[in-house]
């Protein structure tokens, strides 16, 4: 099946994933490990690449979250972009700025609607020296 243009960015899907993405951000800043773990697909194939870490599989995610202290910084999101591909898949992307560093953050999450609801199946977070507005 080929995805037609009419299936890209279905309004209801974009709205739903945007709400869930912002709920995830709130849980992240509260360091709510139980909520954060629940956002991810409970499967050995789930993958998260962090700033100085990586988790391969849900068990690794749970262990990582148990060891991460509450953040001692604030985080501001910029340029949040949610792109939906059909009714059951979306990619959430944003840039962020943390109060504890001059580095520029980037975050990407792939969300899939599974029988248990929307779950992150892969995620990537990075922080690099970067001038916003600069092109490559």
N, C-alpha and C. Protein backbone atom coordinates (compact mmCIF):
# COMPACT_ATOMS: atom_id res chain seq x y z
N UNK A 1 0.84 -1.18 0.00
CA UNK A 1 0.00 0.00 0.00
C UNK A 1 0.89 1.24 0.00
N UNK A 2 0.59 2.16 -0.85
CA UNK A 2 1.31 3.41 -0.94
C UNK A 2 0.54 4.49 -0.17
N UNK A 3 1.26 5.26 0.60
CA UNK A 3 0.65 6.33 1.37
C UNK A 3 0.43 7.53 0.46
N UNK A 4 -0.83 7.94 0.31
CA UNK A 4 -1.14 9.09 -0.52
C UNK A 4 -0.99 10.39 0.27
N UNK A 5 -0.85 11.49 -0.45
CA UNK A 5 -0.68 12.80 0.17
C UNK A 5 -1.82 13.11 1.14
N UNK A 6 -3.01 12.64 0.86
CA UNK A 6 -4.16 12.91 1.74
C UNK A 6 -4.00 12.25 3.11
N UNK A 7 -3.11 11.27 3.20
CA UNK A 7 -2.88 10.58 4.47
C UNK A 7 -1.78 11.22 5.31
N UNK A 8 -1.09 12.20 4.76
CA UNK A 8 -0.01 12.88 5.49
C UNK A 8 -0.62 14.03 6.30
N UNK A 9 -0.27 14.05 7.57
CA UNK A 9 -0.69 15.11 8.49
C UNK A 9 -2.20 15.19 8.67
N UNK A 10 -2.83 14.04 8.88
CA UNK A 10 -4.24 14.04 9.23
C UNK A 10 -4.40 14.87 10.50
N UNK A 11 -5.29 15.84 10.45
CA UNK A 11 -5.44 16.82 11.53
C UNK A 11 -5.61 16.16 12.90
N UNK A 12 -6.53 15.22 13.02
CA UNK A 12 -6.79 14.59 14.31
C UNK A 12 -5.57 13.84 14.85
N UNK A 13 -4.82 13.21 13.95
CA UNK A 13 -3.62 12.47 14.37
C UNK A 13 -2.55 13.45 14.87
N UNK A 14 -2.33 14.52 14.13
CA UNK A 14 -1.34 15.51 14.54
C UNK A 14 -1.71 16.10 15.90
N UNK A 15 -2.99 16.43 16.09
CA UNK A 15 -3.44 16.99 17.37
C UNK A 15 -3.24 16.00 18.51
N UNK A 16 -3.59 14.74 18.28
CA UNK A 16 -3.47 13.72 19.32
C UNK A 16 -2.01 13.47 19.70
N UNK A 17 -1.15 13.32 18.71
CA UNK A 17 0.27 13.06 19.00
C UNK A 17 0.93 14.29 19.63
N UNK A 18 0.54 15.48 19.21
CA UNK A 18 1.08 16.70 19.83
C UNK A 18 0.74 16.72 21.32
N UNK A 19 -0.48 16.41 21.67
CA UNK A 19 -0.88 16.39 23.08
C UNK A 19 -0.06 15.36 23.86
N UNK A 20 0.08 14.17 23.30
CA UNK A 20 0.84 13.11 23.98
C UNK A 20 2.31 13.49 24.09
N UNK A 21 2.86 14.08 23.04
CA UNK A 21 4.26 14.52 23.06
C UNK A 21 4.49 15.54 24.17
N UNK A 22 3.58 16.49 24.32
CA UNK A 22 3.72 17.50 25.38
C UNK A 22 3.52 16.89 26.77
N UNK A 23 2.65 15.89 26.87
CA UNK A 23 2.50 15.15 28.14
C UNK A 23 3.80 14.42 28.48
N UNK A 24 4.44 13.84 27.47
CA UNK A 24 5.73 13.18 27.67
C UNK A 24 6.76 14.19 28.19
N UNK A 25 6.80 15.36 27.59
CA UNK A 25 7.74 16.39 28.02
C UNK A 25 7.52 16.75 29.50
N UNK A 26 6.27 16.88 29.88
CA UNK A 26 5.95 17.18 31.28
C UNK A 26 6.45 16.07 32.21
N UNK A 27 6.23 14.82 31.82
CA UNK A 27 6.71 13.68 32.62
C UNK A 27 8.24 13.68 32.68
N UNK A 28 8.89 14.05 31.58
CA UNK A 28 10.35 14.10 31.55
C UNK A 28 10.89 15.11 32.56
N UNK A 29 10.29 16.29 32.58
CA UNK A 29 10.78 17.33 33.49
C UNK A 29 10.43 17.03 34.95
N UNK A 30 9.40 16.22 35.19
CA UNK A 30 9.07 15.78 36.56
C UNK A 30 9.89 14.55 36.97
N UNK A 31 10.62 13.98 36.00
CA UNK A 31 11.35 12.74 36.21
C UNK A 31 10.41 11.62 36.67
N UNK A 32 9.24 11.55 36.04
CA UNK A 32 8.24 10.51 36.35
C UNK A 32 8.60 9.26 35.56
N UNK A 33 9.48 8.44 36.13
CA UNK A 33 10.00 7.27 35.43
C UNK A 33 8.90 6.31 35.01
N UNK A 34 7.92 6.12 35.85
CA UNK A 34 6.83 5.19 35.51
C UNK A 34 6.07 5.68 34.28
N UNK A 35 5.75 6.96 34.24
CA UNK A 35 5.05 7.52 33.08
C UNK A 35 5.93 7.45 31.85
N UNK A 36 7.21 7.81 31.98
CA UNK A 36 8.13 7.79 30.83
C UNK A 36 8.25 6.39 30.26
N UNK A 37 8.40 5.40 31.12
CA UNK A 37 8.50 4.02 30.66
C UNK A 37 7.25 3.60 29.91
N UNK A 38 6.09 4.06 30.35
CA UNK A 38 4.83 3.67 29.73
C UNK A 38 4.66 4.27 28.33
N UNK A 39 5.32 5.38 28.04
CA UNK A 39 5.23 5.98 26.70
C UNK A 39 5.95 5.14 25.65
N UNK A 40 6.90 4.32 26.08
CA UNK A 40 7.68 3.53 25.14
C UNK A 40 7.06 2.15 24.91
N UNK A 41 7.24 1.66 23.70
CA UNK A 41 6.81 0.32 23.29
C UNK A 41 7.50 -0.70 24.18
N UNK A 42 6.74 -1.57 24.77
CA UNK A 42 7.30 -2.63 25.63
C UNK A 42 7.74 -3.79 24.75
N UNK A 43 8.92 -3.63 24.16
CA UNK A 43 9.41 -4.62 23.21
C UNK A 43 10.93 -4.56 23.17
N UNK A 44 11.59 -5.71 22.93
CA UNK A 44 13.06 -5.70 22.83
C UNK A 44 13.61 -4.85 21.68
N UNK A 45 12.77 -4.53 20.69
CA UNK A 45 13.25 -3.76 19.54
C UNK A 45 13.19 -2.25 19.75
N UNK A 46 12.56 -1.78 20.83
CA UNK A 46 12.50 -0.33 21.06
C UNK A 46 13.93 0.17 21.26
N UNK A 47 14.21 1.37 20.71
CA UNK A 47 15.56 1.91 20.76
C UNK A 47 15.51 3.38 21.16
N UNK A 48 16.39 3.76 22.08
CA UNK A 48 16.54 5.17 22.45
C UNK A 48 18.02 5.49 22.49
N UNK A 49 18.42 6.49 21.68
CA UNK A 49 19.77 7.02 21.72
C UNK A 49 19.73 8.34 22.46
N UNK A 50 20.45 8.42 23.56
CA UNK A 50 20.47 9.63 24.36
C UNK A 50 21.71 10.46 24.11
N UNK A 51 21.90 11.45 24.94
CA UNK A 51 23.02 12.37 24.78
C UNK A 51 24.35 11.66 25.03
N UNK A 52 24.40 10.85 26.08
CA UNK A 52 25.61 10.09 26.39
C UNK A 52 25.24 8.66 26.78
N UNK A 53 24.18 8.15 26.19
CA UNK A 53 23.68 6.84 26.59
C UNK A 53 22.89 6.24 25.44
N UNK A 54 22.56 4.97 25.58
CA UNK A 54 21.66 4.31 24.63
C UNK A 54 20.95 3.18 25.35
N UNK A 55 19.72 2.94 24.96
CA UNK A 55 18.95 1.85 25.51
C UNK A 55 18.39 1.03 24.35
N UNK A 56 18.69 -0.25 24.36
CA UNK A 56 18.21 -1.17 23.35
C UNK A 56 17.26 -2.14 24.04
N UNK A 57 15.97 -1.96 23.82
CA UNK A 57 14.95 -2.79 24.46
C UNK A 57 14.32 -2.09 25.66
N UNK A 58 13.08 -2.46 25.94
CA UNK A 58 12.33 -1.81 27.00
C UNK A 58 12.95 -2.04 28.38
N UNK A 59 13.49 -3.22 28.61
CA UNK A 59 14.12 -3.49 29.91
C UNK A 59 15.28 -2.52 30.16
N UNK A 60 16.05 -2.22 29.13
CA UNK A 60 17.16 -1.28 29.27
C UNK A 60 16.63 0.13 29.55
N UNK A 61 15.52 0.49 28.93
CA UNK A 61 14.91 1.80 29.21
C UNK A 61 14.50 1.91 30.67
N UNK A 62 13.85 0.88 31.17
CA UNK A 62 13.39 0.89 32.56
C UNK A 62 14.58 1.02 33.51
N UNK A 63 15.64 0.26 33.26
CA UNK A 63 16.83 0.33 34.11
C UNK A 63 17.47 1.72 34.04
N UNK A 64 17.54 2.30 32.86
CA UNK A 64 18.11 3.63 32.69
C UNK A 64 17.31 4.66 33.48
N UNK A 65 16.00 4.66 33.32
CA UNK A 65 15.15 5.64 34.00
C UNK A 65 15.25 5.50 35.52
N UNK A 66 15.42 4.29 36.01
CA UNK A 66 15.54 4.08 37.46
C UNK A 66 16.81 4.73 38.01
N UNK A 67 17.83 4.89 37.15
CA UNK A 67 19.11 5.43 37.60
C UNK A 67 19.28 6.92 37.33
N UNK A 68 18.36 7.53 36.58
CA UNK A 68 18.52 8.93 36.19
C UNK A 68 17.95 9.83 37.29
N UNK A 69 18.76 10.76 37.80
CA UNK A 69 18.24 11.69 38.82
C UNK A 69 17.29 12.71 38.19
N UNK A 70 16.50 13.33 39.02
CA UNK A 70 15.60 14.39 38.55
C UNK A 70 16.45 15.51 37.94
N UNK A 71 15.96 16.12 36.87
CA UNK A 71 16.75 17.20 36.25
C UNK A 71 16.89 18.39 37.18
N UNK A 72 18.08 19.00 37.14
CA UNK A 72 18.32 20.21 37.92
C UNK A 72 18.42 21.40 36.97
N UNK A 73 17.72 21.30 35.85
CA UNK A 73 17.69 22.34 34.83
C UNK A 73 16.26 22.46 34.30
N UNK A 74 16.03 23.54 33.60
CA UNK A 74 14.77 23.68 32.88
C UNK A 74 15.06 23.44 31.41
N UNK A 75 14.00 23.21 30.66
CA UNK A 75 14.15 22.91 29.24
C UNK A 75 13.02 23.62 28.49
N UNK A 76 13.39 24.35 27.44
CA UNK A 76 12.41 25.05 26.62
C UNK A 76 12.41 24.44 25.23
N UNK A 77 11.23 24.03 24.76
CA UNK A 77 11.10 23.45 23.43
C UNK A 77 10.93 24.54 22.39
N UNK A 78 11.49 24.30 21.20
CA UNK A 78 11.36 25.21 20.07
C UNK A 78 11.07 24.39 18.81
N UNK A 79 10.35 24.99 17.90
CA UNK A 79 10.11 24.38 16.59
C UNK A 79 9.63 22.94 16.70
N UNK A 80 8.62 22.71 17.52
CA UNK A 80 8.02 21.38 17.63
C UNK A 80 7.31 21.08 16.31
N UNK A 81 7.64 19.94 15.73
CA UNK A 81 7.05 19.53 14.45
C UNK A 81 6.54 18.10 14.61
N UNK A 82 5.27 17.92 14.35
CA UNK A 82 4.67 16.59 14.37
C UNK A 82 4.24 16.30 12.93
N UNK A 83 4.75 15.23 12.36
CA UNK A 83 4.36 14.84 11.01
C UNK A 83 3.73 13.46 11.10
N UNK A 84 2.47 13.36 10.69
CA UNK A 84 1.74 12.09 10.74
C UNK A 84 1.75 11.44 9.36
N UNK A 85 1.89 10.14 9.36
CA UNK A 85 1.86 9.35 8.14
C UNK A 85 0.76 8.32 8.29
N UNK A 86 -0.44 8.68 7.82
CA UNK A 86 -1.60 7.82 8.00
C UNK A 86 -2.13 7.97 9.41
N UNK A 87 -3.08 7.13 9.78
CA UNK A 87 -3.71 7.27 11.09
C UNK A 87 -2.92 6.68 12.26
N UNK A 88 -1.84 5.93 11.98
CA UNK A 88 -1.22 5.15 13.04
C UNK A 88 0.28 5.34 13.20
N UNK A 89 0.86 6.37 12.58
CA UNK A 89 2.30 6.58 12.71
C UNK A 89 2.60 8.07 12.60
N UNK A 90 3.50 8.55 13.45
CA UNK A 90 3.88 9.96 13.42
C UNK A 90 5.32 10.10 13.91
N UNK A 91 5.94 11.18 13.47
CA UNK A 91 7.28 11.52 13.92
C UNK A 91 7.20 12.87 14.61
N UNK A 92 7.71 12.92 15.84
CA UNK A 92 7.75 14.17 16.61
C UNK A 92 9.19 14.64 16.64
N UNK A 93 9.39 15.90 16.29
CA UNK A 93 10.74 16.48 16.27
C UNK A 93 10.69 17.82 16.96
N UNK A 94 11.75 18.15 17.66
CA UNK A 94 11.84 19.49 18.24
C UNK A 94 13.29 19.83 18.49
N UNK A 95 13.49 21.11 18.70
CA UNK A 95 14.76 21.61 19.20
C UNK A 95 14.50 22.07 20.62
N UNK A 96 15.52 22.04 21.45
CA UNK A 96 15.33 22.49 22.82
C UNK A 96 16.57 23.19 23.33
N UNK A 97 16.35 23.98 24.35
CA UNK A 97 17.43 24.69 25.03
C UNK A 97 17.33 24.36 26.51
N UNK A 98 18.42 23.91 27.09
CA UNK A 98 18.47 23.64 28.52
C UNK A 98 19.12 24.81 29.24
N UNK A 99 18.69 25.05 30.47
CA UNK A 99 19.21 26.18 31.25
C UNK A 99 20.63 25.96 31.75
N UNK A 100 21.15 24.74 31.66
CA UNK A 100 22.46 24.43 32.23
C UNK A 100 23.59 24.34 31.20
N UNK A 101 23.31 24.67 29.95
CA UNK A 101 24.35 24.53 28.92
C UNK A 101 24.07 25.48 27.76
N UNK A 102 25.12 25.80 27.02
CA UNK A 102 24.97 26.60 25.80
C UNK A 102 24.73 25.71 24.58
N UNK A 103 24.82 24.40 24.75
CA UNK A 103 24.58 23.50 23.63
C UNK A 103 23.13 23.55 23.19
N UNK A 104 22.89 23.21 21.95
CA UNK A 104 21.55 23.23 21.34
C UNK A 104 21.07 21.79 21.23
N UNK A 105 19.86 21.53 21.69
CA UNK A 105 19.34 20.17 21.70
C UNK A 105 18.40 19.88 20.55
N UNK A 106 18.42 18.62 20.13
CA UNK A 106 17.52 18.11 19.10
C UNK A 106 16.92 16.80 19.61
N UNK A 107 15.66 16.59 19.31
CA UNK A 107 14.98 15.37 19.76
C UNK A 107 14.05 14.88 18.65
N UNK A 108 14.08 13.59 18.41
CA UNK A 108 13.19 12.97 17.44
C UNK A 108 12.59 11.71 18.07
N UNK A 109 11.30 11.55 17.91
CA UNK A 109 10.61 10.35 18.41
C UNK A 109 9.71 9.83 17.29
N UNK A 110 9.73 8.52 17.08
CA UNK A 110 8.80 7.88 16.17
C UNK A 110 7.71 7.23 17.01
N UNK A 111 6.48 7.66 16.78
CA UNK A 111 5.31 7.18 17.52
C UNK A 111 4.47 6.28 16.61
N UNK A 112 4.00 5.16 17.16
CA UNK A 112 3.12 4.25 16.43
C UNK A 112 1.91 3.95 17.30
N UNK A 113 0.73 3.95 16.68
CA UNK A 113 -0.49 3.59 17.41
C UNK A 113 -0.55 2.06 17.44
N UNK A 114 -0.40 1.50 18.62
CA UNK A 114 -0.45 0.06 18.84
C UNK A 114 -1.78 -0.27 19.53
N UNK A 115 -2.11 -1.55 19.69
CA UNK A 115 -3.37 -1.89 20.37
C UNK A 115 -3.49 -1.24 21.76
N UNK A 116 -2.37 -1.03 22.45
CA UNK A 116 -2.40 -0.42 23.79
C UNK A 116 -2.36 1.10 23.74
N UNK A 117 -2.27 1.69 22.55
CA UNK A 117 -2.25 3.15 22.41
C UNK A 117 -0.98 3.61 21.71
N UNK A 118 -0.78 4.92 21.66
CA UNK A 118 0.40 5.50 21.03
C UNK A 118 1.63 5.20 21.87
N UNK A 119 2.69 4.70 21.22
CA UNK A 119 3.94 4.39 21.91
C UNK A 119 5.12 4.86 21.06
N UNK A 120 6.19 5.25 21.74
CA UNK A 120 7.44 5.60 21.07
C UNK A 120 8.15 4.29 20.75
N UNK A 121 8.50 4.11 19.47
CA UNK A 121 9.22 2.90 19.07
C UNK A 121 10.71 3.19 18.86
N UNK A 122 11.04 4.45 18.64
CA UNK A 122 12.45 4.85 18.58
C UNK A 122 12.56 6.33 18.95
N UNK A 123 13.69 6.67 19.56
CA UNK A 123 13.91 8.06 19.98
C UNK A 123 15.39 8.37 19.89
N UNK A 124 15.67 9.64 19.62
CA UNK A 124 17.05 10.10 19.54
C UNK A 124 17.11 11.51 20.12
N UNK A 125 18.09 11.74 20.99
CA UNK A 125 18.32 13.05 21.60
C UNK A 125 19.79 13.38 21.41
N UNK A 126 20.07 14.62 21.02
CA UNK A 126 21.46 15.05 20.89
C UNK A 126 21.56 16.51 21.31
N UNK A 127 22.77 16.90 21.68
CA UNK A 127 23.07 18.29 22.02
C UNK A 127 24.41 18.63 21.40
N UNK A 128 24.42 19.73 20.64
CA UNK A 128 25.61 20.10 19.90
C UNK A 128 25.77 21.62 19.90
N UNK A 129 26.99 22.11 19.63
CA UNK A 129 27.15 23.53 19.39
C UNK A 129 26.40 23.85 18.09
N UNK A 130 25.56 24.86 18.09
CA UNK A 130 24.73 25.13 16.92
C UNK A 130 24.19 26.53 17.01
N UNK A 131 24.16 27.21 15.90
CA UNK A 131 23.55 28.53 15.84
C UNK A 131 22.18 28.40 15.20
N UNK A 132 21.09 28.59 15.94
CA UNK A 132 19.76 28.50 15.34
C UNK A 132 19.66 29.45 14.14
N UNK A 133 19.03 28.97 13.11
CA UNK A 133 18.90 29.75 11.89
C UNK A 133 20.00 29.45 10.88
N UNK A 134 21.08 28.79 11.33
CA UNK A 134 22.16 28.43 10.42
C UNK A 134 21.70 27.27 9.54
N UNK A 135 22.08 27.28 8.30
CA UNK A 135 21.75 26.16 7.43
C UNK A 135 23.00 25.34 7.19
N UNK A 136 22.75 24.11 6.79
CA UNK A 136 23.92 23.23 6.55
C UNK A 136 24.40 23.34 5.14
